[in-house]
Amino acid sequence: MWSIGCIFAEMSLGFPMFTGYCKIDQLNKILKMLGTPTSREWSDIYQLPGYQKYFAHLPYYEGNYLDKIIPDFSFVALRLLHLMLQ
Protein backbone atom coordinates (compact mmCIF):
# COMPACT_ATOMS: atom_id res chain seq x y z
CA MET A 1 0.00 0.00 0.00
CA TRP A 2 2.82 2.37 0.89
CA SER A 3 4.38 2.05 -2.57
CA ILE A 4 1.05 2.55 -4.30
CA GLY A 5 0.52 5.72 -2.22
CA CYS A 6 3.94 7.02 -3.25
CA ILE A 7 3.24 6.28 -6.92
CA PHE A 8 -0.25 7.87 -6.65
CA ALA A 9 1.26 11.05 -5.19
CA GLU A 10 4.10 11.14 -7.72
CA MET A 11 1.75 10.69 -10.66
CA SER A 12 -0.48 13.47 -9.36
CA LEU A 13 2.29 15.89 -8.40
CA GLY A 14 4.69 15.14 -11.24
CA PHE A 15 7.58 14.57 -8.82
CA PRO A 16 8.38 12.25 -5.89
CA MET A 17 7.15 13.26 -2.43
CA PHE A 18 10.19 11.84 -0.63
CA THR A 19 13.60 12.40 -2.21
CA GLY A 20 16.27 11.38 0.27
CA TYR A 21 19.90 10.90 -0.70
CA CYS A 22 20.43 8.03 1.78
CA LYS A 23 18.36 5.83 4.15
CA ILE A 24 18.52 8.24 7.07
CA ASP A 25 17.72 11.30 4.94
CA GLN A 26 14.84 9.43 3.30
CA LEU A 27 13.41 8.41 6.67
CA ASN A 28 13.87 11.93 8.02
CA LYS A 29 11.94 13.43 5.08
CA ILE A 30 9.10 10.92 5.52
CA LEU A 31 8.85 11.62 9.25
CA LYS A 32 8.94 15.39 8.74
CA MET A 33 6.05 15.15 6.31
CA LEU A 34 3.91 12.46 7.95
CA GLY A 35 5.00 12.68 11.59
CA THR A 36 6.94 10.31 13.81
CA PRO A 37 4.87 7.25 14.74
CA THR A 38 4.37 6.71 18.46
CA SER A 39 3.91 3.46 20.34
CA ARG A 40 0.21 4.37 20.64
CA GLU A 41 -0.12 4.46 16.85
CA TRP A 42 2.27 1.57 16.17
CA SER A 43 2.55 -0.65 19.24
CA ASP A 44 5.46 -2.77 17.95
CA ILE A 45 7.60 0.07 16.60
CA TYR A 46 10.30 -0.38 19.27
CA GLN A 47 10.67 -4.05 18.33
CA LEU A 48 11.41 -3.37 14.67
CA PRO A 49 14.82 -4.54 13.48
CA GLY A 50 16.88 -1.40 12.99
CA TYR A 51 14.74 0.77 15.27
CA GLN A 52 17.72 1.75 17.42
CA LYS A 53 19.87 2.32 14.35
CA TYR A 54 17.40 4.48 12.39
CA PHE A 55 14.46 5.76 14.44
CA ALA A 56 15.93 6.25 17.91
CA HIS A 57 18.34 9.01 16.82
CA LEU A 58 15.90 11.09 14.80
CA PRO A 59 13.96 13.97 16.32
CA TYR A 60 10.22 13.68 16.92
CA TYR A 61 8.09 15.36 14.26
CA GLU A 62 4.40 16.23 14.51
CA GLY A 63 4.07 15.98 10.74
CA ASN A 64 2.31 18.23 8.30
CA TYR A 65 -1.19 17.93 7.06
CA LEU A 66 -1.25 16.52 3.55
CA ASP A 67 -3.70 19.23 2.43
CA LYS A 68 -1.00 21.84 3.07
CA ILE A 69 1.59 19.81 1.15
CA ILE A 70 -0.74 18.93 -1.74
CA PRO A 71 -3.35 21.71 -1.82
CA ASP A 72 -4.78 20.73 -5.21
CA PHE A 73 -5.95 17.28 -4.07
CA SER A 74 -9.61 16.77 -3.38
CA PHE A 75 -10.72 15.63 0.08
CA VAL A 76 -11.24 12.09 -1.25
CA ALA A 77 -7.78 11.98 -2.87
CA LEU A 78 -6.14 13.28 0.32
CA ARG A 79 -7.99 10.72 2.44
CA LEU A 80 -6.99 7.91 0.08
CA LEU A 81 -3.35 9.03 0.10
CA HIS A 82 -3.34 9.32 3.88
CA LEU A 83 -4.68 5.78 4.24
CA MET A 84 -2.13 4.38 1.79
CA LEU A 85 0.78 6.09 3.58
CA GLN A 86 -0.04 4.81 7.06
PDB file of N, CA and C in Angstrom:
ATOM      1  N   MET A   1       0.811  -1.191   0.000  1.00  0.00           N
ATOM      2  CA  MET A   1       0.000   0.000   0.000  1.00  0.00           C
ATOM      3  C   MET A   1       0.855   1.256   0.000  1.00  0.00           C
ATOM      4  N   TRP A   2       1.937   1.205   0.809  1.00  0.00           N
ATOM      5  CA  TRP A   2       2.817   2.371   0.887  1.00  0.00           C
ATOM      6  C   TRP A   2       3.333   2.751  -0.501  1.00  0.00           C
ATOM      7  N   SER A   3       3.820   1.779  -1.232  1.00  0.00           N
ATOM      8  CA  SER A   3       4.385   2.047  -2.565  1.00  0.00           C
ATOM      9  C   SER A   3       3.335   2.599  -3.513  1.00  0.00           C
ATOM     10  N   ILE A   4       2.138   2.059  -3.445  1.00  0.00           N
ATOM     11  CA  ILE A   4       1.052   2.553  -4.297  1.00  0.00           C
ATOM     12  C   ILE A   4       0.745   4.007  -3.945  1.00  0.00           C
ATOM     13  N   GLY A   5       0.743   4.333  -2.647  1.00  0.00           N
ATOM     14  CA  GLY A   5       0.521   5.715  -2.221  1.00  0.00           C
ATOM     15  C   GLY A   5       1.593   6.646  -2.762  1.00  0.00           C
ATOM     16  N   CYS A   6       2.839   6.210  -2.716  1.00  0.00           N
ATOM     17  CA  CYS A   6       3.936   7.025  -3.245  1.00  0.00           C
ATOM     18  C   CYS A   6       3.797   7.230  -4.751  1.00  0.00           C
ATOM     19  N   ILE A   7       3.430   6.183  -5.464  1.00  0.00           N
ATOM     20  CA  ILE A   7       3.236   6.284  -6.916  1.00  0.00           C
ATOM     21  C   ILE A   7       2.043   7.179  -7.233  1.00  0.00           C
ATOM     22  N   PHE A   8       0.953   7.028  -6.485  1.00  0.00           N
ATOM     23  CA  PHE A   8      -0.246   7.870  -6.650  1.00  0.00           C
ATOM     24  C   PHE A   8       0.128   9.346  -6.481  1.00  0.00           C
ATOM     25  N   ALA A   9       0.857   9.665  -5.427  1.00  0.00           N
ATOM     26  CA  ALA A   9       1.265  11.045  -5.186  1.00  0.00           C
ATOM     27  C   ALA A   9       2.189  11.545  -6.293  1.00  0.00           C
ATOM     28  N   GLU A  10       3.153  10.721  -6.685  1.00  0.00           N
ATOM     29  CA  GLU A  10       4.098  11.140  -7.718  1.00  0.00           C
ATOM     30  C   GLU A  10       3.409  11.373  -9.061  1.00  0.00           C
ATOM     31  N   MET A  11       2.472  10.513  -9.400  1.00  0.00           N
ATOM     32  CA  MET A  11       1.746  10.693 -10.661  1.00  0.00           C
ATOM     33  C   MET A  11       0.910  11.976 -10.626  1.00  0.00           C
ATOM     34  N   SER A  12       0.355  12.282  -9.488  1.00  0.00           N
ATOM     35  CA  SER A  12      -0.484  13.469  -9.359  1.00  0.00           C
ATOM     36  C   SER A  12       0.341  14.749  -9.294  1.00  0.00           C
ATOM     37  N   LEU A  13       1.455  14.702  -8.578  1.00  0.00           N
ATOM     38  CA  LEU A  13       2.292  15.887  -8.401  1.00  0.00           C
ATOM     39  C   LEU A  13       3.246  16.121  -9.563  1.00  0.00           C
ATOM     40  N   GLY A  14       3.698  15.029 -10.186  1.00  0.00           N
ATOM     41  CA  GLY A  14       4.690  15.142 -11.242  1.00  0.00           C
ATOM     42  C   GLY A  14       6.120  15.017 -10.722  1.00  0.00           C
ATOM     43  N   PHE A  15       6.266  14.772  -9.417  1.00  0.00           N
ATOM     44  CA  PHE A  15       7.584  14.575  -8.816  1.00  0.00           C
ATOM     45  C   PHE A  15       7.410  13.742  -7.545  1.00  0.00           C
ATOM     46  N   PRO A  16       8.480  13.076  -7.089  1.00  0.00           N
ATOM     47  CA  PRO A  16       8.384  12.246  -5.889  1.00  0.00           C
ATOM     48  C   PRO A  16       8.164  13.089  -4.628  1.00  0.00           C
ATOM     49  N   MET A  17       7.372  12.565  -3.693  1.00  0.00           N
ATOM     50  CA  MET A  17       7.145  13.261  -2.427  1.00  0.00           C
ATOM     51  C   MET A  17       8.363  13.190  -1.520  1.00  0.00           C
ATOM     52  N   PHE A  18       9.071  12.080  -1.540  1.00  0.00           N
ATOM     53  CA  PHE A  18      10.191  11.839  -0.629  1.00  0.00           C
ATOM     54  C   PHE A  18      11.450  11.596  -1.446  1.00  0.00           C
ATOM     55  N   THR A  19      12.398  12.524  -1.391  1.00  0.00           N
ATOM     56  CA  THR A  19      13.599  12.404  -2.214  1.00  0.00           C
ATOM     57  C   THR A  19      14.853  12.463  -1.342  1.00  0.00           C
ATOM     58  N   GLY A  20      15.092  11.433  -0.583  1.00  0.00           N
ATOM     59  CA  GLY A  20      16.275  11.378   0.270  1.00  0.00           C
ATOM     60  C   GLY A  20      17.491  10.895  -0.492  1.00  0.00           C
ATOM     61  N   TYR A  21      18.658  11.320  -0.046  1.00  0.00           N
ATOM     62  CA  TYR A  21      19.901  10.900  -0.705  1.00  0.00           C
ATOM     63  C   TYR A  21      20.517   9.670  -0.041  1.00  0.00           C
ATOM     64  N   CYS A  22      19.980   9.250   1.111  1.00  0.00           N
ATOM     65  CA  CYS A  22      20.428   8.034   1.776  1.00  0.00           C
ATOM     66  C   CYS A  22      19.279   7.552   2.670  1.00  0.00           C
ATOM     67  N   LYS A  23      19.435   6.394   3.320  1.00  0.00           N
ATOM     68  CA  LYS A  23      18.360   5.827   4.150  1.00  0.00           C
ATOM     69  C   LYS A  23      17.909   6.787   5.245  1.00  0.00           C
ATOM     70  N   ILE A  24      18.850   7.354   5.948  1.00  0.00           N
ATOM     71  CA  ILE A  24      18.519   8.239   7.066  1.00  0.00           C
ATOM     72  C   ILE A  24      17.834   9.512   6.570  1.00  0.00           C
ATOM     73  N   ASP A  25      18.343  10.096   5.492  1.00  0.00           N
ATOM     74  CA  ASP A  25      17.722  11.298   4.937  1.00  0.00           C
ATOM     75  C   ASP A  25      16.313  10.990   4.436  1.00  0.00           C
ATOM     76  N   GLN A  26      16.153   9.851   3.798  1.00  0.00           N
ATOM     77  CA  GLN A  26      14.836   9.435   3.299  1.00  0.00           C
ATOM     78  C   GLN A  26      13.848   9.290   4.461  1.00  0.00           C
ATOM     79  N   LEU A  27      14.261   8.604   5.501  1.00  0.00           N
ATOM     80  CA  LEU A  27      13.409   8.409   6.669  1.00  0.00           C
ATOM     81  C   LEU A  27      13.085   9.744   7.338  1.00  0.00           C
ATOM     82  N   ASN A  28      14.068  10.611   7.430  1.00  0.00           N
ATOM     83  CA  ASN A  28      13.868  11.931   8.024  1.00  0.00           C
ATOM     84  C   ASN A  28      12.835  12.735   7.235  1.00  0.00           C
ATOM     85  N   LYS A  29      12.899  12.704   5.919  1.00  0.00           N
ATOM     86  CA  LYS A  29      11.938  13.428   5.081  1.00  0.00           C
ATOM     87  C   LYS A  29      10.520  12.865   5.247  1.00  0.00           C
ATOM     88  N   ILE A  30      10.404  11.553   5.330  1.00  0.00           N
ATOM     89  CA  ILE A  30       9.101  10.924   5.524  1.00  0.00           C
ATOM     90  C   ILE A  30       8.522  11.331   6.873  1.00  0.00           C
ATOM     91  N   LEU A  31       9.338  11.274   7.918  1.00  0.00           N
ATOM     92  CA  LEU A  31       8.854  11.619   9.254  1.00  0.00           C
ATOM     93  C   LEU A  31       8.495  13.094   9.363  1.00  0.00           C
ATOM     94  N   LYS A  32       9.263  13.965   8.732  1.00  0.00           N
ATOM     95  CA  LYS A  32       8.937  15.393   8.744  1.00  0.00           C
ATOM     96  C   LYS A  32       7.572  15.643   8.105  1.00  0.00           C
ATOM     97  N   MET A  33       7.296  14.930   7.027  1.00  0.00           N
ATOM     98  CA  MET A  33       6.045  15.150   6.311  1.00  0.00           C
ATOM     99  C   MET A  33       4.866  14.472   6.994  1.00  0.00           C
ATOM    100  N   LEU A  34       5.045  13.233   7.441  1.00  0.00           N
ATOM    101  CA  LEU A  34       3.909  12.459   7.954  1.00  0.00           C
ATOM    102  C   LEU A  34       3.856  12.390   9.480  1.00  0.00           C
ATOM    103  N   GLY A  35       4.949  12.746  10.141  1.00  0.00           N
ATOM    104  CA  GLY A  35       5.001  12.676  11.594  1.00  0.00           C
ATOM    105  C   GLY A  35       5.667  11.396  12.059  1.00  0.00           C
ATOM    106  N   THR A  36       6.280  11.464  13.222  1.00  0.00           N
ATOM    107  CA  THR A  36       6.940  10.309  13.809  1.00  0.00           C
ATOM    108  C   THR A  36       5.897   9.418  14.467  1.00  0.00           C
ATOM    109  N   PRO A  37       5.846   8.144  14.103  1.00  0.00           N
ATOM    110  CA  PRO A  37       4.867   7.253  14.741  1.00  0.00           C
ATOM    111  C   PRO A  37       5.206   7.040  16.218  1.00  0.00           C
ATOM    112  N   THR A  38       4.188   6.968  17.037  1.00  0.00           N
ATOM    113  CA  THR A  38       4.369   6.710  18.464  1.00  0.00           C
ATOM    114  C   THR A  38       3.980   5.265  18.759  1.00  0.00           C
ATOM    115  N   SER A  39       4.287   4.824  19.956  1.00  0.00           N
ATOM    116  CA  SER A  39       3.909   3.458  20.344  1.00  0.00           C
ATOM    117  C   SER A  39       2.391   3.314  20.419  1.00  0.00           C
ATOM    118  N   ARG A  40       1.684   4.414  20.631  1.00  0.00           N
ATOM    119  CA  ARG A  40       0.212   4.366  20.640  1.00  0.00           C
ATOM    120  C   ARG A  40      -0.336   4.082  19.235  1.00  0.00           C
ATOM    121  N   GLU A  41       0.299   4.653  18.237  1.00  0.00           N
ATOM    122  CA  GLU A  41      -0.119   4.457  16.851  1.00  0.00           C
ATOM    123  C   GLU A  41       0.421   3.150  16.266  1.00  0.00           C
ATOM    124  N   TRP A  42       1.588   2.747  16.715  1.00  0.00           N
ATOM    125  CA  TRP A  42       2.268   1.567  16.167  1.00  0.00           C
ATOM    126  C   TRP A  42       2.910   0.843  17.344  1.00  0.00           C
ATOM    127  N   SER A  43       2.160  -0.041  17.964  1.00  0.00           N
ATOM    128  CA  SER A  43       2.553  -0.647  19.240  1.00  0.00           C
ATOM    129  C   SER A  43       3.876  -1.420  19.179  1.00  0.00           C
ATOM    130  N   ASP A  44       4.241  -1.958  18.055  1.00  0.00           N
ATOM    131  CA  ASP A  44       5.459  -2.769  17.950  1.00  0.00           C
ATOM    132  C   ASP A  44       6.650  -2.008  17.372  1.00  0.00           C
ATOM    133  N   ILE A  45       6.547  -0.696  17.268  1.00  0.00           N
ATOM    134  CA  ILE A  45       7.603   0.067  16.601  1.00  0.00           C
ATOM    135  C   ILE A  45       8.973  -0.130  17.247  1.00  0.00           C
ATOM    136  N   TYR A  46       9.016  -0.241  18.573  1.00  0.00           N
ATOM    137  CA  TYR A  46      10.301  -0.375  19.265  1.00  0.00           C
ATOM    138  C   TYR A  46      10.934  -1.749  19.056  1.00  0.00           C
ATOM    139  N   GLN A  47      10.156  -2.702  18.567  1.00  0.00           N
ATOM    140  CA  GLN A  47      10.669  -4.049  18.333  1.00  0.00           C
ATOM    141  C   GLN A  47      11.147  -4.255  16.895  1.00  0.00           C
ATOM    142  N   LEU A  48      10.983  -3.245  16.063  1.00  0.00           N
ATOM    143  CA  LEU A  48      11.411  -3.368  14.667  1.00  0.00           C
ATOM    144  C   LEU A  48      12.919  -3.543  14.584  1.00  0.00           C
ATOM    145  N   PRO A  49      13.372  -4.447  13.688  1.00  0.00           N
ATOM    146  CA  PRO A  49      14.823  -4.540  13.477  1.00  0.00           C
ATOM    147  C   PRO A  49      15.310  -3.193  12.923  1.00  0.00           C
ATOM    148  N   GLY A  50      16.353  -2.680  13.461  1.00  0.00           N
ATOM    149  CA  GLY A  50      16.876  -1.405  12.990  1.00  0.00           C
ATOM    150  C   GLY A  50      16.280  -0.186  13.671  1.00  0.00           C
ATOM    151  N   TYR A  51      15.348  -0.392  14.608  1.00  0.00           N
ATOM    152  CA  TYR A  51      14.743   0.768  15.272  1.00  0.00           C
ATOM    153  C   TYR A  51      15.821   1.626  15.944  1.00  0.00           C
ATOM    154  N   GLN A  52      16.671   0.998  16.721  1.00  0.00           N
ATOM    155  CA  GLN A  52      17.722   1.748  17.419  1.00  0.00           C
ATOM    156  C   GLN A  52      18.670   2.435  16.433  1.00  0.00           C
ATOM    157  N   LYS A  53      18.922   1.781  15.327  1.00  0.00           N
ATOM    158  CA  LYS A  53      19.866   2.324  14.346  1.00  0.00           C
ATOM    159  C   LYS A  53      19.280   3.521  13.594  1.00  0.00           C
ATOM    160  N   TYR A  54      17.989   3.451  13.242  1.00  0.00           N
ATOM    161  CA  TYR A  54      17.400   4.482  12.392  1.00  0.00           C
ATOM    162  C   TYR A  54      16.475   5.439  13.132  1.00  0.00           C
ATOM    163  N   PHE A  55      15.481   4.915  13.828  1.00  0.00           N
ATOM    164  CA  PHE A  55      14.461   5.762  14.441  1.00  0.00           C
ATOM    165  C   PHE A  55      14.932   6.463  15.712  1.00  0.00           C
ATOM    166  N   ALA A  56      15.640   5.762  16.567  1.00  0.00           N
ATOM    167  CA  ALA A  56      15.933   6.254  17.910  1.00  0.00           C
ATOM    168  C   ALA A  56      16.738   7.559  17.906  1.00  0.00           C
ATOM    169  N   HIS A  57      17.475   7.833  16.856  1.00  0.00           N
ATOM    170  CA  HIS A  57      18.344   9.009  16.824  1.00  0.00           C
ATOM    171  C   HIS A  57      17.728  10.192  16.079  1.00  0.00           C
ATOM    172  N   LEU A  58      16.546  10.000  15.521  1.00  0.00           N
ATOM    173  CA  LEU A  58      15.895  11.088  14.801  1.00  0.00           C
ATOM    174  C   LEU A  58      15.002  11.883  15.740  1.00  0.00           C
ATOM    175  N   PRO A  59      14.853  13.180  15.481  1.00  0.00           N
ATOM    176  CA  PRO A  59      13.958  13.973  16.322  1.00  0.00           C
ATOM    177  C   PRO A  59      12.499  13.584  16.096  1.00  0.00           C
ATOM    178  N   TYR A  60      11.661  13.928  17.056  1.00  0.00           N
ATOM    179  CA  TYR A  60      10.220  13.682  16.923  1.00  0.00           C
ATOM    180  C   TYR A  60       9.621  14.793  16.066  1.00  0.00           C
ATOM    181  N   TYR A  61       8.778  14.396  15.123  1.00  0.00           N
ATOM    182  CA  TYR A  61       8.088  15.361  14.259  1.00  0.00           C
ATOM    183  C   TYR A  61       6.590  15.172  14.397  1.00  0.00           C
ATOM    184  N   GLU A  62       5.869  16.271  14.484  1.00  0.00           N
ATOM    185  CA  GLU A  62       4.403  16.230  14.508  1.00  0.00           C
ATOM    186  C   GLU A  62       3.862  15.835  13.138  1.00  0.00           C
ATOM    187  N   GLY A  63       4.547  16.241  12.101  1.00  0.00           N
ATOM    188  CA  GLY A  63       4.072  15.977  10.744  1.00  0.00           C
ATOM    189  C   GLY A  63       3.233  17.126  10.237  1.00  0.00           C
ATOM    190  N   ASN A  64       3.109  17.198   8.951  1.00  0.00           N
ATOM    191  CA  ASN A  64       2.309  18.225   8.295  1.00  0.00           C
ATOM    192  C   ASN A  64       1.009  17.611   7.811  1.00  0.00           C
ATOM    193  N   TYR A  65       0.046  18.416   7.641  1.00  0.00           N
ATOM    194  CA  TYR A  65      -1.194  17.928   7.057  1.00  0.00           C
ATOM    195  C   TYR A  65      -1.008  17.841   5.553  1.00  0.00           C
ATOM    196  N   LEU A  66      -1.438  16.733   4.986  1.00  0.00           N
ATOM    197  CA  LEU A  66      -1.250  16.523   3.548  1.00  0.00           C
ATOM    198  C   LEU A  66      -1.929  17.607   2.716  1.00  0.00           C
ATOM    199  N   ASP A  67      -3.021  18.190   3.214  1.00  0.00           N
ATOM    200  CA  ASP A  67      -3.702  19.228   2.431  1.00  0.00           C
ATOM    201  C   ASP A  67      -2.850  20.492   2.300  1.00  0.00           C
ATOM    202  N   LYS A  68      -1.905  20.700   3.193  1.00  0.00           N
ATOM    203  CA  LYS A  68      -0.998  21.839   3.068  1.00  0.00           C
ATOM    204  C   LYS A  68       0.138  21.515   2.090  1.00  0.00           C
ATOM    205  N   ILE A  69       0.509  20.246   2.028  1.00  0.00           N
ATOM    206  CA  ILE A  69       1.587  19.814   1.151  1.00  0.00           C
ATOM    207  C   ILE A  69       1.083  19.674  -0.285  1.00  0.00           C
ATOM    208  N   ILE A  70      -0.134  19.156  -0.417  1.00  0.00           N
ATOM    209  CA  ILE A  70      -0.735  18.931  -1.737  1.00  0.00           C
ATOM    210  C   ILE A  70      -2.090  19.635  -1.773  1.00  0.00           C
ATOM    211  N   PRO A  71      -2.098  20.962  -1.911  1.00  0.00           N
ATOM    212  CA  PRO A  71      -3.354  21.715  -1.815  1.00  0.00           C
ATOM    213  C   PRO A  71      -4.340  21.458  -2.950  1.00  0.00           C
ATOM    214  N   ASP A  72      -3.876  20.939  -4.066  1.00  0.00           N
ATOM    215  CA  ASP A  72      -4.775  20.726  -5.208  1.00  0.00           C
ATOM    216  C   ASP A  72      -5.553  19.419  -5.143  1.00  0.00           C
ATOM    217  N   PHE A  73      -5.237  18.555  -4.196  1.00  0.00           N
ATOM    218  CA  PHE A  73      -5.949  17.276  -4.070  1.00  0.00           C
ATOM    219  C   PHE A  73      -7.335  17.501  -3.487  1.00  0.00           C
ATOM    220  N   SER A  74      -8.279  16.739  -3.960  1.00  0.00           N
ATOM    221  CA  SER A  74      -9.615  16.773  -3.377  1.00  0.00           C
ATOM    222  C   SER A  74      -9.580  16.095  -2.010  1.00  0.00           C
ATOM    223  N   PHE A  75     -10.632  16.272  -1.233  1.00  0.00           N
ATOM    224  CA  PHE A  75     -10.723  15.634   0.076  1.00  0.00           C
ATOM    225  C   PHE A  75     -10.596  14.118  -0.060  1.00  0.00           C
ATOM    226  N   VAL A  76     -11.264  13.546  -1.046  1.00  0.00           N
ATOM    227  CA  VAL A  76     -11.238  12.092  -1.247  1.00  0.00           C
ATOM    228  C   VAL A  76      -9.831  11.628  -1.610  1.00  0.00           C
ATOM    229  N   ALA A  77      -9.146  12.355  -2.479  1.00  0.00           N
ATOM    230  CA  ALA A  77      -7.782  11.983  -2.875  1.00  0.00           C
ATOM    231  C   ALA A  77      -6.829  12.083  -1.682  1.00  0.00           C
ATOM    232  N   LEU A  78      -6.980  13.134  -0.872  1.00  0.00           N
ATOM    233  CA  LEU A  78      -6.137  13.278   0.322  1.00  0.00           C
ATOM    234  C   LEU A  78      -6.385  12.157   1.312  1.00  0.00           C
ATOM    235  N   ARG A  79      -7.640  11.797   1.506  1.00  0.00           N
ATOM    236  CA  ARG A  79      -7.985  10.717   2.436  1.00  0.00           C
ATOM    237  C   ARG A  79      -7.396   9.392   1.950  1.00  0.00           C
ATOM    238  N   LEU A  80      -7.530   9.137   0.657  1.00  0.00           N
ATOM    239  CA  LEU A  80      -6.986   7.907   0.083  1.00  0.00           C
ATOM    240  C   LEU A  80      -5.467   7.880   0.251  1.00  0.00           C
ATOM    241  N   LEU A  81      -4.802   8.967  -0.050  1.00  0.00           N
ATOM    242  CA  LEU A  81      -3.348   9.032   0.096  1.00  0.00           C
ATOM    243  C   LEU A  81      -2.953   8.827   1.556  1.00  0.00           C
ATOM    244  N   HIS A  82      -3.633   9.474   2.460  1.00  0.00           N
ATOM    245  CA  HIS A  82      -3.341   9.316   3.883  1.00  0.00           C
ATOM    246  C   HIS A  82      -3.461   7.861   4.309  1.00  0.00           C
ATOM    247  N   LEU A  83      -4.490   7.184   3.874  1.00  0.00           N
ATOM    248  CA  LEU A  83      -4.684   5.784   4.237  1.00  0.00           C
ATOM    249  C   LEU A  83      -3.595   4.889   3.644  1.00  0.00           C
ATOM    250  N   MET A  84      -3.170   5.195   2.428  1.00  0.00           N
ATOM    251  CA  MET A  84      -2.126   4.380   1.790  1.00  0.00           C
ATOM    252  C   MET A  84      -0.758   4.598   2.440  1.00  0.00           C
ATOM    253  N   LEU A  85      -0.522   5.790   3.008  1.00  0.00           N
ATOM    254  CA  LEU A  85       0.784   6.093   3.579  1.00  0.00           C
ATOM    255  C   LEU A  85       0.867   5.826   5.079  1.00  0.00           C
ATOM    256  N   GLN A  86      -0.103   5.155   5.630  1.00  0.00           N
ATOM    257  CA  GLN A  86      -0.037   4.812   7.061  1.00  0.00           C
ATOM    258  C   GLN A  86       0.868   3.640   7.285  1.00  0.00           C
TER     259      GLN A  86
END
